[in-house]
Amino acid sequence: MSVLIRISYQTPQELENILKLLHPAIKSVKIKQGQQGAYKRAYIEIDLKKA
């Protein structure tokens, strides 16, 4: 079983910190390309069996 999480962030360092926290359970990460504006989005799929 897995869960999809949408993350909004302003700097790449913020995303990097979130990925470090969730690292053991991350199944995949997709960063939306061509984003404009203050907030960027990334989609993280978590494998609940590893969480």
PDB file of N, CA and C in Angstrom:
ATOM      1  N   MET A   1       0.847  -1.170   0.000  1.00  0.00           N
ATOM      2  CA  MET A   1       0.000   0.000   0.000  1.00  0.00           C
ATOM      3  C   MET A   1       0.892   1.233   0.000  1.00  0.00           C
ATOM      4  N   SER A   2       0.471   2.261  -0.747  1.00  0.00           N
ATOM      5  CA  SER A   2       1.276   3.473  -0.810  1.00  0.00           C
ATOM      6  C   SER A   2       0.380   4.712  -0.725  1.00  0.00           C
ATOM      7  N   VAL A   3       1.021   5.836  -0.429  1.00  0.00           N
ATOM      8  CA  VAL A   3       0.335   7.111  -0.271  1.00  0.00           C
ATOM      9  C   VAL A   3       1.063   8.136  -1.128  1.00  0.00           C
ATOM     10  N   LEU A   4       0.305   8.999  -1.816  1.00  0.00           N
ATOM     11  CA  LEU A   4       0.883  10.069  -2.606  1.00  0.00           C
ATOM     12  C   LEU A   4       0.740  11.378  -1.829  1.00  0.00           C
ATOM     13  N   ILE A   5       1.859  12.097  -1.667  1.00  0.00           N
ATOM     14  CA  ILE A   5       1.880  13.350  -0.911  1.00  0.00           C
ATOM     15  C   ILE A   5       2.318  14.466  -1.849  1.00  0.00           C
ATOM     16  N   ARG A   6       1.598  15.589  -1.829  1.00  0.00           N
ATOM     17  CA  ARG A   6       1.999  16.757  -2.600  1.00  0.00           C
ATOM     18  C   ARG A   6       2.699  17.720  -1.656  1.00  0.00           C
ATOM     19  N   ILE A   7       3.906  18.116  -2.012  1.00  0.00           N
ATOM     20  CA  ILE A   7       4.720  19.016  -1.195  1.00  0.00           C
ATOM     21  C   ILE A   7       4.842  20.357  -1.926  1.00  0.00           C
ATOM     22  N   SER A   8       4.608  21.453  -1.224  1.00  0.00           N
ATOM     23  CA  SER A   8       4.866  22.795  -1.743  1.00  0.00           C
ATOM     24  C   SER A   8       6.090  23.335  -1.021  1.00  0.00           C
ATOM     25  N   TYR A   9       7.030  23.897  -1.791  1.00  0.00           N
ATOM     26  CA  TYR A   9       8.265  24.399  -1.199  1.00  0.00           C
ATOM     27  C   TYR A   9       8.725  25.628  -1.958  1.00  0.00           C
ATOM     28  N   GLN A  10       9.596  26.417  -1.335  1.00  0.00           N
ATOM     29  CA  GLN A  10      10.109  27.631  -1.976  1.00  0.00           C
ATOM     30  C   GLN A  10      11.541  27.459  -2.467  1.00  0.00           C
ATOM     31  N   THR A  11      12.359  26.744  -1.716  1.00  0.00           N
ATOM     32  CA  THR A  11      13.755  26.577  -2.110  1.00  0.00           C
ATOM     33  C   THR A  11      14.085  25.092  -2.232  1.00  0.00           C
ATOM     34  N   PRO A  12      15.051  24.745  -3.054  1.00  0.00           N
ATOM     35  CA  PRO A  12      15.457  23.336  -3.178  1.00  0.00           C
ATOM     36  C   PRO A  12      15.928  22.743  -1.842  1.00  0.00           C
ATOM     37  N   GLN A  13      16.464  23.579  -0.948  1.00  0.00           N
ATOM     38  CA  GLN A  13      16.919  23.095   0.353  1.00  0.00           C
ATOM     39  C   GLN A  13      15.737  22.606   1.193  1.00  0.00           C
ATOM     40  N   GLU A  14      14.599  23.280   1.096  1.00  0.00           N
ATOM     41  CA  GLU A  14      13.409  22.835   1.827  1.00  0.00           C
ATOM     42  C   GLU A  14      12.983  21.445   1.358  1.00  0.00           C
ATOM     43  N   LEU A  15      12.963  21.236   0.048  1.00  0.00           N
ATOM     44  CA  LEU A  15      12.602  19.923  -0.491  1.00  0.00           C
ATOM     45  C   LEU A  15      13.611  18.867  -0.056  1.00  0.00           C
ATOM     46  N   GLU A  16      14.875  19.216  -0.097  1.00  0.00           N
ATOM     47  CA  GLU A  16      15.931  18.289   0.310  1.00  0.00           C
ATOM     48  C   GLU A  16      15.762  17.849   1.766  1.00  0.00           C
ATOM     49  N   ASN A  17      15.400  18.778   2.654  1.00  0.00           N
ATOM     50  CA  ASN A  17      15.188  18.452   4.064  1.00  0.00           C
ATOM     51  C   ASN A  17      14.009  17.498   4.240  1.00  0.00           C
ATOM     52  N   ILE A  18      12.924  17.722   3.515  1.00  0.00           N
ATOM     53  CA  ILE A  18      11.761  16.832   3.583  1.00  0.00           C
ATOM     54  C   ILE A  18      12.135  15.439   3.092  1.00  0.00           C
ATOM     55  N   LEU A  19      12.884  15.381   1.993  1.00  0.00           N
ATOM     56  CA  LEU A  19      13.284  14.080   1.448  1.00  0.00           C
ATOM     57  C   LEU A  19      14.186  13.316   2.419  1.00  0.00           C
ATOM     58  N   LYS A  20      15.038  14.022   3.141  1.00  0.00           N
ATOM     59  CA  LYS A  20      15.893  13.370   4.145  1.00  0.00           C
ATOM     60  C   LYS A  20      15.055  12.779   5.270  1.00  0.00           C
ATOM     61  N   LEU A  21      14.018  13.496   5.692  1.00  0.00           N
ATOM     62  CA  LEU A  21      13.157  13.010   6.770  1.00  0.00           C
ATOM     63  C   LEU A  21      12.359  11.776   6.344  1.00  0.00           C
ATOM     64  N   LEU A  22      11.900  11.765   5.115  1.00  0.00           N
ATOM     65  CA  LEU A  22      11.048  10.681   4.633  1.00  0.00           C
ATOM     66  C   LEU A  22      11.824   9.568   3.930  1.00  0.00           C
ATOM     67  N   HIS A  23      13.130   9.693   3.846  1.00  0.00           N
ATOM     68  CA  HIS A  23      13.988   8.802   3.062  1.00  0.00           C
ATOM     69  C   HIS A  23      13.699   7.305   3.204  1.00  0.00           C
ATOM     70  N   PRO A  24      13.560   6.755   4.394  1.00  0.00           N
ATOM     71  CA  PRO A  24      13.396   5.296   4.480  1.00  0.00           C
ATOM     72  C   PRO A  24      12.123   4.774   3.801  1.00  0.00           C
ATOM     73  N   ALA A  25      11.106   5.590   3.692  1.00  0.00           N
ATOM     74  CA  ALA A  25       9.821   5.117   3.172  1.00  0.00           C
ATOM     75  C   ALA A  25       9.526   5.594   1.747  1.00  0.00           C
ATOM     76  N   ILE A  26      10.394   6.391   1.145  1.00  0.00           N
ATOM     77  CA  ILE A  26      10.104   6.959  -0.178  1.00  0.00           C
ATOM     78  C   ILE A  26      10.178   5.880  -1.250  1.00  0.00           C
ATOM     79  N   LYS A  27       9.125   5.842  -2.047  1.00  0.00           N
ATOM     80  CA  LYS A  27       9.059   4.915  -3.179  1.00  0.00           C
ATOM     81  C   LYS A  27       9.466   5.641  -4.466  1.00  0.00           C
ATOM     82  N   SER A  28       8.953   6.887  -4.661  1.00  0.00           N
ATOM     83  CA  SER A  28       9.328   7.685  -5.825  1.00  0.00           C
ATOM     84  C   SER A  28       9.100   9.162  -5.534  1.00  0.00           C
ATOM     85  N   VAL A  29       9.805  10.008  -6.302  1.00  0.00           N
ATOM     86  CA  VAL A  29       9.672  11.465  -6.187  1.00  0.00           C
ATOM     87  C   VAL A  29       9.554  12.026  -7.598  1.00  0.00           C
ATOM     88  N   LYS A  30       8.548  12.868  -7.809  1.00  0.00           N
ATOM     89  CA  LYS A  30       8.387  13.543  -9.096  1.00  0.00           C
ATOM     90  C   LYS A  30       8.320  15.042  -8.826  1.00  0.00           C
ATOM     91  N   ILE A  31       9.224  15.784  -9.444  1.00  0.00           N
ATOM     92  CA  ILE A  31       9.259  17.236  -9.292  1.00  0.00           C
ATOM     93  C   ILE A  31       8.657  17.834 -10.555  1.00  0.00           C
ATOM     94  N   LYS A  32       7.617  18.624 -10.380  1.00  0.00           N
ATOM     95  CA  LYS A  32       6.939  19.236 -11.522  1.00  0.00           C
ATOM     96  C   LYS A  32       7.884  20.218 -12.202  1.00  0.00           C
ATOM     97  N   GLN A  33       8.043  20.095 -13.498  1.00  0.00           N
ATOM     98  CA  GLN A  33       8.963  20.933 -14.266  1.00  0.00           C
ATOM     99  C   GLN A  33       8.260  22.177 -14.784  1.00  0.00           C
ATOM    100  N   GLY A  34       9.032  23.223 -15.055  1.00  0.00           N
ATOM    101  CA  GLY A  34       8.511  24.448 -15.657  1.00  0.00           C
ATOM    102  C   GLY A  34       7.596  25.249 -14.751  1.00  0.00           C
ATOM    103  N   GLN A  35       7.874  25.258 -13.465  1.00  0.00           N
ATOM    104  CA  GLN A  35       7.015  25.961 -12.510  1.00  0.00           C
ATOM    105  C   GLN A  35       7.422  27.425 -12.395  1.00  0.00           C
ATOM    106  N   GLN A  36       6.427  28.277 -12.257  1.00  0.00           N
ATOM    107  CA  GLN A  36       6.651  29.708 -12.073  1.00  0.00           C
ATOM    108  C   GLN A  36       6.003  30.111 -10.759  1.00  0.00           C
ATOM    109  N   GLY A  37       6.477  31.185 -10.177  1.00  0.00           N
ATOM    110  CA  GLY A  37       5.870  31.673  -8.947  1.00  0.00           C
ATOM    111  C   GLY A  37       6.714  31.350  -7.724  1.00  0.00           C
ATOM    112  N   ALA A  38       6.197  31.709  -6.563  1.00  0.00           N
ATOM    113  CA  ALA A  38       6.946  31.583  -5.316  1.00  0.00           C
ATOM    114  C   ALA A  38       7.048  30.138  -4.840  1.00  0.00           C
ATOM    115  N   TYR A  39       6.021  29.341  -5.088  1.00  0.00           N
ATOM    116  CA  TYR A  39       6.001  27.974  -4.574  1.00  0.00           C
ATOM    117  C   TYR A  39       6.147  26.958  -5.690  1.00  0.00           C
ATOM    118  N   LYS A  40       6.972  25.960  -5.446  1.00  0.00           N
ATOM    119  CA  LYS A  40       7.172  24.844  -6.370  1.00  0.00           C
ATOM    120  C   LYS A  40       6.462  23.628  -5.791  1.00  0.00           C
ATOM    121  N   ARG A  41       6.214  22.617  -6.629  1.00  0.00           N
ATOM    122  CA  ARG A  41       5.526  21.414  -6.165  1.00  0.00           C
ATOM    123  C   ARG A  41       6.333  20.176  -6.476  1.00  0.00           C
ATOM    124  N   ALA A  42       6.230  19.220  -5.579  1.00  0.00           N
ATOM    125  CA  ALA A  42       6.813  17.897  -5.790  1.00  0.00           C
ATOM    126  C   ALA A  42       5.804  16.879  -5.284  1.00  0.00           C
ATOM    127  N   TYR A  43       5.821  15.708  -5.899  1.00  0.00           N
ATOM    128  CA  TYR A  43       4.920  14.632  -5.512  1.00  0.00           C
ATOM    129  C   TYR A  43       5.769  13.471  -5.020  1.00  0.00           C
ATOM    130  N   ILE A  44       5.483  13.021  -3.802  1.00  0.00           N
ATOM    131  CA  ILE A  44       6.257  11.945  -3.175  1.00  0.00           C
ATOM    132  C   ILE A  44       5.329  10.772  -2.920  1.00  0.00           C
ATOM    133  N   GLU A  45       5.747   9.603  -3.381  1.00  0.00           N
ATOM    134  CA  GLU A  45       4.986   8.392  -3.132  1.00  0.00           C
ATOM    135  C   GLU A  45       5.681   7.637  -1.996  1.00  0.00           C
ATOM    136  N   ILE A  46       4.916   7.342  -0.942  1.00  0.00           N
ATOM    137  CA  ILE A  46       5.429   6.677   0.254  1.00  0.00           C
ATOM    138  C   ILE A  46       4.935   5.239   0.278  1.00  0.00           C
ATOM    139  N   ASP A  47       5.837   4.307   0.543  1.00  0.00           N
ATOM    140  CA  ASP A  47       5.467   2.908   0.719  1.00  0.00           C
ATOM    141  C   ASP A  47       5.195   2.688   2.206  1.00  0.00           C
ATOM    142  N   LEU A  48       3.957   2.437   2.563  1.00  0.00           N
ATOM    143  CA  LEU A  48       3.577   2.314   3.978  1.00  0.00           C
ATOM    144  C   LEU A  48       4.180   1.079   4.648  1.00  0.00           C
ATOM    145  N   LYS A  49       4.567   0.099   3.891  1.00  0.00           N
ATOM    146  CA  LYS A  49       5.182  -1.091   4.471  1.00  0.00           C
ATOM    147  C   LYS A  49       6.556  -0.771   5.060  1.00  0.00           C
ATOM    148  N   LYS A  50       7.221   0.251   4.523  1.00  0.00           N
ATOM    149  CA  LYS A  50       8.548   0.630   5.014  1.00  0.00           C
ATOM    150  C   LYS A  50       8.495   1.714   6.073  1.00  0.00           C
ATOM    151  N   ALA A  51       7.339   2.358   6.231  1.00  0.00           N
ATOM    152  CA  ALA A  51       7.216   3.488   7.165  1.00  0.00           C
ATOM    153  C   ALA A  51       7.178   3.027   8.603  1.00  0.00           C
TER     154      ALA A  51
END
